[in-house]
Amino acid sequence: MLNLSPPRALTFPVSLVLIGLAVASLYMRIPTVGPTVVKFSTWFIVAAYAVLALGVVTKSL
């Protein structure tokens, strides 16, 4: 059985930034990282979920 814990204070905002970039790239132009985020928006969403899931499963992330 997994021992779940809340994610650390840095893990949750990192996940929010990744998902925010992916969603924002659908509706507006992002000047610096925009083309990369638009090209890989699905992977940004997957990465945000993976970071959050790892943060819940492990205590050190």
Protein backbone atom coordinates (compact mmCIF):
# COMPACT_ATOMS: atom_id res chain seq x y z
CA MET A 1 0.00 0.00 0.00
CA LEU A 2 1.29 3.46 -0.84
CA ASN A 3 1.84 6.02 1.86
CA LEU A 4 0.52 9.23 0.31
CA SER A 5 1.60 12.64 1.53
CA PRO A 6 0.78 16.17 0.43
CA PRO A 7 3.21 17.56 -2.14
CA ARG A 8 5.89 19.96 -1.00
CA ALA A 9 5.40 23.71 -1.24
CA LEU A 10 7.43 23.92 -4.47
CA THR A 11 6.02 20.87 -6.25
CA PHE A 12 2.44 22.11 -6.46
CA PRO A 13 3.29 25.54 -7.98
CA VAL A 14 5.62 23.90 -10.53
CA SER A 15 2.74 21.69 -11.59
CA LEU A 16 0.43 24.71 -11.81
CA VAL A 17 2.93 26.63 -13.96
CA LEU A 18 3.24 23.72 -16.40
CA ILE A 19 -0.52 23.31 -16.75
CA GLY A 20 -0.98 27.08 -16.90
CA LEU A 21 1.47 27.38 -19.77
CA ALA A 22 -0.25 24.59 -21.69
CA VAL A 23 -3.72 26.08 -21.26
CA ALA A 24 -2.62 29.68 -21.86
CA SER A 25 -0.88 28.70 -25.08
CA LEU A 26 -4.25 27.60 -26.46
CA TYR A 27 -5.79 31.06 -26.05
CA MET A 28 -2.94 33.60 -26.34
CA ARG A 29 0.57 34.08 -27.68
CA ILE A 30 3.35 33.58 -25.19
CA PRO A 31 6.38 35.54 -26.46
CA THR A 32 9.44 33.61 -25.26
CA VAL A 33 8.46 29.96 -24.91
CA GLY A 34 5.24 30.07 -26.91
CA PRO A 35 6.20 28.00 -29.98
CA THR A 36 7.65 25.23 -27.82
CA VAL A 37 4.63 25.11 -25.52
CA VAL A 38 2.19 25.10 -28.45
CA LYS A 39 4.11 22.29 -30.14
CA PHE A 40 4.28 20.13 -27.00
CA SER A 41 1.19 21.26 -25.05
CA THR A 42 -0.01 17.70 -24.49
CA TRP A 43 3.34 16.75 -23.00
CA PHE A 44 3.27 19.82 -20.74
CA ILE A 45 -0.06 18.60 -19.35
CA VAL A 46 1.30 15.07 -18.90
CA ALA A 47 4.43 16.44 -17.20
CA ALA A 48 2.34 18.59 -14.84
CA TYR A 49 0.30 15.55 -13.81
CA ALA A 50 3.44 13.42 -13.43
CA VAL A 51 5.15 16.03 -11.23
CA LEU A 52 2.08 16.30 -9.03
CA ALA A 53 1.65 12.52 -8.82
CA LEU A 54 5.31 12.02 -7.90
CA GLY A 55 4.98 14.76 -5.31
CA VAL A 56 2.11 12.90 -3.66
CA VAL A 57 3.77 9.48 -3.78
CA THR A 58 7.26 10.49 -2.63
CA LYS A 59 8.11 12.54 0.43
CA SER A 60 11.22 14.15 -1.02
CA LEU A 61 9.68 15.74 -4.13
